[in-house]
Amino acid sequence: MLESKLKWKCRKGIRELDLLLTSYIENIFHTLPKNEQLSFVEFLEKDTYDILDILMGKKSYDHKFESIVSSLKNINK
């Protein structure tokens, strides 16, 4: 998927989340193996508030998203 389309999918309507997901695309996504890239695309299909709840530790998620969630939580540290 083209980077511009991915960035569009990162637009969830909550500025902080949009910036976080876009930063992931710009800095991490292209370094990942293809299977992890596909997992991230799948992760983006989740509802905005589901993603927020996952990142805040309020909701469980599929183990295949573990590295994505971990990277997103640590992206600005």
PDB file of N, CA and C in Angstrom:
ATOM      1  N   MET A   1       0.844  -1.171   0.000  1.00  0.00           N
ATOM      2  CA  MET A   1       0.000   0.000   0.000  1.00  0.00           C
ATOM      3  C   MET A   1       0.894   1.240   0.000  1.00  0.00           C
ATOM      4  N   LEU A   2       0.502   2.239  -0.735  1.00  0.00           N
ATOM      5  CA  LEU A   2       1.275   3.465  -0.816  1.00  0.00           C
ATOM      6  C   LEU A   2       1.289   4.209   0.513  1.00  0.00           C
ATOM      7  N   GLU A   3       2.395   4.884   0.776  1.00  0.00           N
ATOM      8  CA  GLU A   3       2.535   5.610   2.032  1.00  0.00           C
ATOM      9  C   GLU A   3       1.437   6.658   2.193  1.00  0.00           C
ATOM     10  N   SER A   4       1.067   7.329   1.115  1.00  0.00           N
ATOM     11  CA  SER A   4       0.021   8.351   1.218  1.00  0.00           C
ATOM     12  C   SER A   4      -1.316   7.741   1.638  1.00  0.00           C
ATOM     13  N   LYS A   5      -1.621   6.547   1.147  1.00  0.00           N
ATOM     14  CA  LYS A   5      -2.865   5.873   1.550  1.00  0.00           C
ATOM     15  C   LYS A   5      -2.793   5.437   3.011  1.00  0.00           C
ATOM     16  N   LEU A   6      -1.632   4.981   3.433  1.00  0.00           N
ATOM     17  CA  LEU A   6      -1.460   4.600   4.837  1.00  0.00           C
ATOM     18  C   LEU A   6      -1.632   5.803   5.759  1.00  0.00           C
ATOM     19  N   LYS A   7      -1.048   6.923   5.366  1.00  0.00           N
ATOM     20  CA  LYS A   7      -1.180   8.125   6.182  1.00  0.00           C
ATOM     21  C   LYS A   7      -2.640   8.557   6.264  1.00  0.00           C
ATOM     22  N   TRP A   8      -3.382   8.381   5.180  1.00  0.00           N
ATOM     23  CA  TRP A   8      -4.801   8.720   5.197  1.00  0.00           C
ATOM     24  C   TRP A   8      -5.535   7.814   6.198  1.00  0.00           C
ATOM     25  N   LYS A   9      -5.185   6.520   6.223  1.00  0.00           N
ATOM     26  CA  LYS A   9      -5.811   5.583   7.157  1.00  0.00           C
ATOM     27  C   LYS A   9      -5.445   5.915   8.603  1.00  0.00           C
ATOM     28  N   CYS A  10      -4.334   6.616   8.796  1.00  0.00           N
ATOM     29  CA  CYS A  10      -3.910   7.005  10.140  1.00  0.00           C
ATOM     30  C   CYS A  10      -4.746   8.153  10.696  1.00  0.00           C
ATOM     31  N   ARG A  11      -5.537   8.773   9.875  1.00  0.00           N
ATOM     32  CA  ARG A  11      -6.386   9.880  10.309  1.00  0.00           C
ATOM     33  C   ARG A  11      -7.609   9.313  11.020  1.00  0.00           C
ATOM     34  N   LYS A  12      -7.565   9.366  12.318  1.00  0.00           N
ATOM     35  CA  LYS A  12      -8.620   8.780  13.138  1.00  0.00           C
ATOM     36  C   LYS A  12      -9.509   9.837  13.792  1.00  0.00           C
ATOM     37  N   GLY A  13      -9.162  11.113  13.631  1.00  0.00           N
ATOM     38  CA  GLY A  13      -9.990  12.173  14.184  1.00  0.00           C
ATOM     39  C   GLY A  13      -9.583  12.649  15.565  1.00  0.00           C
ATOM     40  N   ILE A  14      -8.553  12.067  16.111  1.00  0.00           N
ATOM     41  CA  ILE A  14      -8.000  12.512  17.390  1.00  0.00           C
ATOM     42  C   ILE A  14      -6.549  12.885  17.115  1.00  0.00           C
ATOM     43  N   ARG A  15      -6.266  14.165  17.198  1.00  0.00           N
ATOM     44  CA  ARG A  15      -4.974  14.700  16.751  1.00  0.00           C
ATOM     45  C   ARG A  15      -3.767  13.936  17.286  1.00  0.00           C
ATOM     46  N   GLU A  16      -3.748  13.675  18.576  1.00  0.00           N
ATOM     47  CA  GLU A  16      -2.596  12.989  19.165  1.00  0.00           C
ATOM     48  C   GLU A  16      -2.421  11.589  18.581  1.00  0.00           C
ATOM     49  N   LEU A  17      -3.527  10.888  18.391  1.00  0.00           N
ATOM     50  CA  LEU A  17      -3.462   9.550  17.800  1.00  0.00           C
ATOM     51  C   LEU A  17      -3.030   9.630  16.340  1.00  0.00           C
ATOM     52  N   ASP A  18      -3.563  10.603  15.613  1.00  0.00           N
ATOM     53  CA  ASP A  18      -3.171  10.796  14.221  1.00  0.00           C
ATOM     54  C   ASP A  18      -1.661  11.014  14.102  1.00  0.00           C
ATOM     55  N   LEU A  19      -1.130  11.864  14.969  1.00  0.00           N
ATOM     56  CA  LEU A  19       0.310  12.156  14.938  1.00  0.00           C
ATOM     57  C   LEU A  19       1.137  10.929  15.295  1.00  0.00           C
ATOM     58  N   LEU A  20       0.685  10.181  16.269  1.00  0.00           N
ATOM     59  CA  LEU A  20       1.392   8.978  16.699  1.00  0.00           C
ATOM     60  C   LEU A  20       1.442   7.944  15.574  1.00  0.00           C
ATOM     61  N   LEU A  21       0.297   7.675  14.962  1.00  0.00           N
ATOM     62  CA  LEU A  21       0.239   6.680  13.889  1.00  0.00           C
ATOM     63  C   LEU A  21       1.030   7.137  12.666  1.00  0.00           C
ATOM     64  N   THR A  22       0.955   8.421  12.342  1.00  0.00           N
ATOM     65  CA  THR A  22       1.711   8.954  11.206  1.00  0.00           C
ATOM     66  C   THR A  22       3.212   8.867  11.466  1.00  0.00           C
ATOM     67  N   SER A  23       3.622   9.150  12.681  1.00  0.00           N
ATOM     68  CA  SER A  23       5.031   9.036  13.049  1.00  0.00           C
ATOM     69  C   SER A  23       5.514   7.599  12.885  1.00  0.00           C
ATOM     70  N   TYR A  24       4.679   6.644  13.259  1.00  0.00           N
ATOM     71  CA  TYR A  24       5.009   5.222  13.082  1.00  0.00           C
ATOM     72  C   TYR A  24       5.236   4.915  11.600  1.00  0.00           C
ATOM     73  N   ILE A  25       4.359   5.431  10.757  1.00  0.00           N
ATOM     74  CA  ILE A  25       4.500   5.216   9.305  1.00  0.00           C
ATOM     75  C   ILE A  25       5.819   5.801   8.809  1.00  0.00           C
ATOM     76  N   GLU A  26       6.104   7.015   9.218  1.00  0.00           N
ATOM     77  CA  GLU A  26       7.285   7.718   8.721  1.00  0.00           C
ATOM     78  C   GLU A  26       8.599   7.150   9.242  1.00  0.00           C
ATOM     79  N   ASN A  27       8.597   6.619  10.468  1.00  0.00           N
ATOM     80  CA  ASN A  27       9.862   6.231  11.098  1.00  0.00           C
ATOM     81  C   ASN A  27      10.094   4.733  11.276  1.00  0.00           C
ATOM     82  N   ILE A  28       9.040   3.945  11.291  1.00  0.00           N
ATOM     83  CA  ILE A  28       9.199   2.529  11.626  1.00  0.00           C
ATOM     84  C   ILE A  28       8.690   1.593  10.532  1.00  0.00           C
ATOM     85  N   PHE A  29       7.557   1.926   9.975  1.00  0.00           N
ATOM     86  CA  PHE A  29       6.842   1.026   9.070  1.00  0.00           C
ATOM     87  C   PHE A  29       7.735   0.422   7.978  1.00  0.00           C
ATOM     88  N   HIS A  30       8.527   1.233   7.316  1.00  0.00           N
ATOM     89  CA  HIS A  30       9.317   0.747   6.175  1.00  0.00           C
ATOM     90  C   HIS A  30      10.483  -0.148   6.569  1.00  0.00           C
ATOM     91  N   THR A  31      10.779  -0.200   7.848  1.00  0.00           N
ATOM     92  CA  THR A  31      11.865  -1.065   8.312  1.00  0.00           C
ATOM     93  C   THR A  31      11.356  -2.456   8.705  1.00  0.00           C
ATOM     94  N   LEU A  32      10.043  -2.618   8.715  1.00  0.00           N
ATOM     95  CA  LEU A  32       9.433  -3.874   9.163  1.00  0.00           C
ATOM     96  C   LEU A  32       9.383  -4.918   8.052  1.00  0.00           C
ATOM     97  N   PRO A  33       9.399  -6.180   8.432  1.00  0.00           N
ATOM     98  CA  PRO A  33       9.161  -7.247   7.449  1.00  0.00           C
ATOM     99  C   PRO A  33       7.723  -7.131   6.927  1.00  0.00           C
ATOM    100  N   LYS A  34       7.495  -7.684   5.770  1.00  0.00           N
ATOM    101  CA  LYS A  34       6.202  -7.577   5.100  1.00  0.00           C
ATOM    102  C   LYS A  34       5.036  -8.049   5.985  1.00  0.00           C
ATOM    103  N   ASN A  35       5.210  -9.144   6.715  1.00  0.00           N
ATOM    104  CA  ASN A  35       4.109  -9.646   7.543  1.00  0.00           C
ATOM    105  C   ASN A  35       3.732  -8.659   8.646  1.00  0.00           C
ATOM    106  N   GLU A  36       4.709  -7.955   9.204  1.00  0.00           N
ATOM    107  CA  GLU A  36       4.416  -6.963  10.238  1.00  0.00           C
ATOM    108  C   GLU A  36       3.787  -5.710   9.630  1.00  0.00           C
ATOM    109  N   GLN A  37       4.189  -5.374   8.412  1.00  0.00           N
ATOM    110  CA  GLN A  37       3.548  -4.257   7.715  1.00  0.00           C
ATOM    111  C   GLN A  37       2.066  -4.562   7.497  1.00  0.00           C
ATOM    112  N   LEU A  38       1.780  -5.779   7.087  1.00  0.00           N
ATOM    113  CA  LEU A  38       0.388  -6.182   6.875  1.00  0.00           C
ATOM    114  C   LEU A  38      -0.391  -6.174   8.191  1.00  0.00           C
ATOM    115  N   SER A  39       0.258  -6.553   9.271  1.00  0.00           N
ATOM    116  CA  SER A  39      -0.394  -6.499  10.584  1.00  0.00           C
ATOM    117  C   SER A  39      -0.726  -5.064  10.969  1.00  0.00           C
ATOM    118  N   PHE A  40       0.168  -4.142  10.654  1.00  0.00           N
ATOM    119  CA  PHE A  40      -0.106  -2.737  10.968  1.00  0.00           C
ATOM    120  C   PHE A  40      -1.288  -2.220  10.160  1.00  0.00           C
ATOM    121  N   VAL A  41      -1.346  -2.584   8.891  1.00  0.00           N
ATOM    122  CA  VAL A  41      -2.482  -2.184   8.056  1.00  0.00           C
ATOM    123  C   VAL A  41      -3.780  -2.728   8.666  1.00  0.00           C
ATOM    124  N   GLU A  42      -3.735  -3.954   9.130  1.00  0.00           N
ATOM    125  CA  GLU A  42      -4.904  -4.545   9.792  1.00  0.00           C
ATOM    126  C   GLU A  42      -5.223  -3.804  11.091  1.00  0.00           C
ATOM    127  N   PHE A  43      -4.199  -3.441  11.839  1.00  0.00           N
ATOM    128  CA  PHE A  43      -4.385  -2.695  13.083  1.00  0.00           C
ATOM    129  C   PHE A  43      -5.089  -1.365  12.818  1.00  0.00           C
ATOM    130  N   LEU A  44      -4.739  -0.713  11.724  1.00  0.00           N
ATOM    131  CA  LEU A  44      -5.363   0.565  11.370  1.00  0.00           C
ATOM    132  C   LEU A  44      -6.851   0.439  11.076  1.00  0.00           C
ATOM    133  N   GLU A  45      -7.306  -0.755  10.759  1.00  0.00           N
ATOM    134  CA  GLU A  45      -8.724  -0.967  10.466  1.00  0.00           C
ATOM    135  C   GLU A  45      -9.576  -0.949  11.737  1.00  0.00           C
ATOM    136  N   LYS A  46      -8.933  -1.028  12.885  1.00  0.00           N
ATOM    137  CA  LYS A  46      -9.667  -1.002  14.147  1.00  0.00           C
ATOM    138  C   LYS A  46     -10.312   0.367  14.362  1.00  0.00           C
ATOM    139  N   ASP A  47     -11.368   0.375  15.136  1.00  0.00           N
ATOM    140  CA  ASP A  47     -12.052   1.602  15.509  1.00  0.00           C
ATOM    141  C   ASP A  47     -11.089   2.517  16.284  1.00  0.00           C
ATOM    142  N   THR A  48     -11.245   3.803  16.102  1.00  0.00           N
ATOM    143  CA  THR A  48     -10.400   4.796  16.764  1.00  0.00           C
ATOM    144  C   THR A  48     -10.316   4.564  18.273  1.00  0.00           C
ATOM    145  N   TYR A  49     -11.463   4.382  18.904  1.00  0.00           N
ATOM    146  CA  TYR A  49     -11.471   4.240  20.357  1.00  0.00           C
ATOM    147  C   TYR A  49     -10.960   2.882  20.806  1.00  0.00           C
ATOM    148  N   ASP A  50     -11.056   1.887  19.954  1.00  0.00           N
ATOM    149  CA  ASP A  50     -10.436   0.597  20.273  1.00  0.00           C
ATOM    150  C   ASP A  50      -8.916   0.752  20.299  1.00  0.00           C
ATOM    151  N   ILE A  51      -8.376   1.476  19.326  1.00  0.00           N
ATOM    152  CA  ILE A  51      -6.921   1.718  19.290  1.00  0.00           C
ATOM    153  C   ILE A  51      -6.491   2.492  20.534  1.00  0.00           C
ATOM    154  N   LEU A  52      -7.231   3.539  20.876  1.00  0.00           N
ATOM    155  CA  LEU A  52      -6.906   4.310  22.080  1.00  0.00           C
ATOM    156  C   LEU A  52      -6.937   3.436  23.325  1.00  0.00           C
ATOM    157  N   ASP A  53      -7.975   2.638  23.449  1.00  0.00           N
ATOM    158  CA  ASP A  53      -8.083   1.757  24.621  1.00  0.00           C
ATOM    159  C   ASP A  53      -6.948   0.744  24.673  1.00  0.00           C
ATOM    160  N   ILE A  54      -6.550   0.229  23.524  1.00  0.00           N
ATOM    161  CA  ILE A  54      -5.424  -0.711  23.469  1.00  0.00           C
ATOM    162  C   ILE A  54      -4.144  -0.016  23.937  1.00  0.00           C
ATOM    163  N   LEU A  55      -3.898   1.183  23.422  1.00  0.00           N
ATOM    164  CA  LEU A  55      -2.673   1.900  23.765  1.00  0.00           C
ATOM    165  C   LEU A  55      -2.652   2.360  25.225  1.00  0.00           C
ATOM    166  N   MET A  56      -3.831   2.550  25.805  1.00  0.00           N
ATOM    167  CA  MET A  56      -3.913   2.973  27.203  1.00  0.00           C
ATOM    168  C   MET A  56      -4.017   1.781  28.149  1.00  0.00           C
ATOM    169  N   GLY A  57      -3.988   0.565  27.595  1.00  0.00           N
ATOM    170  CA  GLY A  57      -4.021  -0.630  28.416  1.00  0.00           C
ATOM    171  C   GLY A  57      -5.394  -0.974  28.961  1.00  0.00           C
ATOM    172  N   LYS A  58      -6.432  -0.424  28.356  1.00  0.00           N
ATOM    173  CA  LYS A  58      -7.799  -0.662  28.827  1.00  0.00           C
ATOM    174  C   LYS A  58      -8.507  -1.766  28.059  1.00  0.00           C
ATOM    175  N   LYS A  59      -7.888  -2.255  27.018  1.00  0.00           N
ATOM    176  CA  LYS A  59      -8.525  -3.261  26.174  1.00  0.00           C
ATOM    177  C   LYS A  59      -7.480  -4.275  25.728  1.00  0.00           C
ATOM    178  N   SER A  60      -7.879  -5.530  25.672  1.00  0.00           N
ATOM    179  CA  SER A  60      -6.959  -6.563  25.188  1.00  0.00           C
ATOM    180  C   SER A  60      -6.946  -6.555  23.667  1.00  0.00           C
ATOM    181  N   TYR A  61      -5.944  -7.206  23.112  1.00  0.00           N
ATOM    182  CA  TYR A  61      -5.780  -7.235  21.659  1.00  0.00           C
ATOM    183  C   TYR A  61      -5.086  -8.525  21.259  1.00  0.00           C
ATOM    184  N   ASP A  62      -5.162  -8.802  19.976  1.00  0.00           N
ATOM    185  CA  ASP A  62      -4.545  -9.997  19.411  1.00  0.00           C
ATOM    186  C   ASP A  62      -3.029  -9.915  19.591  1.00  0.00           C
ATOM    187  N   HIS A  63      -2.425 -11.025  19.968  1.00  0.00           N
ATOM    188  CA  HIS A  63      -0.977 -11.095  20.201  1.00  0.00           C
ATOM    189  C   HIS A  63      -0.156 -10.648  18.981  1.00  0.00           C
ATOM    190  N   LYS A  64      -0.683 -10.812  17.785  1.00  0.00           N
ATOM    191  CA  LYS A  64       0.077 -10.433  16.578  1.00  0.00           C
ATOM    192  C   LYS A  64       0.347  -8.929  16.508  1.00  0.00           C
ATOM    193  N   PHE A  65      -0.379  -8.133  17.309  1.00  0.00           N
ATOM    194  CA  PHE A  65      -0.174  -6.684  17.322  1.00  0.00           C
ATOM    195  C   PHE A  65       0.782  -6.240  18.427  1.00  0.00           C
ATOM    196  N   GLU A  66       1.359  -7.181  19.150  1.00  0.00           N
ATOM    197  CA  GLU A  66       2.208  -6.860  20.304  1.00  0.00           C
ATOM    198  C   GLU A  66       3.355  -5.911  19.960  1.00  0.00           C
ATOM    199  N   SER A  67       4.083  -6.181  18.900  1.00  0.00           N
ATOM    200  CA  SER A  67       5.227  -5.321  18.549  1.00  0.00           C
ATOM    201  C   SER A  67       4.763  -3.942  18.093  1.00  0.00           C
ATOM    202  N   ILE A  68       3.623  -3.885  17.426  1.00  0.00           N
ATOM    203  CA  ILE A  68       3.068  -2.602  16.981  1.00  0.00           C
ATOM    204  C   ILE A  68       2.685  -1.757  18.197  1.00  0.00           C
ATOM    205  N   VAL A  69       1.941  -2.358  19.108  1.00  0.00           N
ATOM    206  CA  VAL A  69       1.498  -1.653  20.311  1.00  0.00           C
ATOM    207  C   VAL A  69       2.709  -1.185  21.125  1.00  0.00           C
ATOM    208  N   SER A  70       3.677  -2.038  21.290  1.00  0.00           N
ATOM    209  CA  SER A  70       4.871  -1.690  22.034  1.00  0.00           C
ATOM    210  C   SER A  70       5.608  -0.526  21.369  1.00  0.00           C
ATOM    211  N   SER A  71       5.766  -0.582  20.069  1.00  0.00           N
ATOM    212  CA  SER A  71       6.436   0.511  19.341  1.00  0.00           C
ATOM    213  C   SER A  71       5.665   1.810  19.459  1.00  0.00           C
ATOM    214  N   LEU A  72       4.337   1.744  19.326  1.00  0.00           N
ATOM    215  CA  LEU A  72       3.524   2.963  19.437  1.00  0.00           C
ATOM    216  C   LEU A  72       3.616   3.570  20.830  1.00  0.00           C
ATOM    217  N   LYS A  73       3.651   2.735  21.854  1.00  0.00           N
ATOM    218  CA  LYS A  73       3.741   3.236  23.220  1.00  0.00           C
ATOM    219  C   LYS A  73       5.085   3.896  23.494  1.00  0.00           C
ATOM    220  N   ASN A  74       6.120   3.460  22.784  1.00  0.00           N
ATOM    221  CA  ASN A  74       7.476   3.974  23.034  1.00  0.00           C
ATOM    222  C   ASN A  74       7.981   4.952  21.978  1.00  0.00           C
ATOM    223  N   ILE A  75       7.160   5.319  21.041  1.00  0.00           N
ATOM    224  CA  ILE A  75       7.633   6.100  19.895  1.00  0.00           C
ATOM    225  C   ILE A  75       8.163   7.474  20.275  1.00  0.00           C
ATOM    226  N   ASN A  76       7.628   8.102  21.289  1.00  0.00           N
ATOM    227  CA  ASN A  76       8.052   9.453  21.653  1.00  0.00           C
ATOM    228  C   ASN A  76       8.903   9.498  22.912  1.00  0.00           C
ATOM    229  N   LYS A  77       9.414   8.366  23.332  1.00  0.00           N
ATOM    230  CA  LYS A  77      10.234   8.339  24.556  1.00  0.00           C
ATOM    231  C   LYS A  77      11.678   8.606  24.240  1.00  0.00           C
TER     232      LYS A  77
END
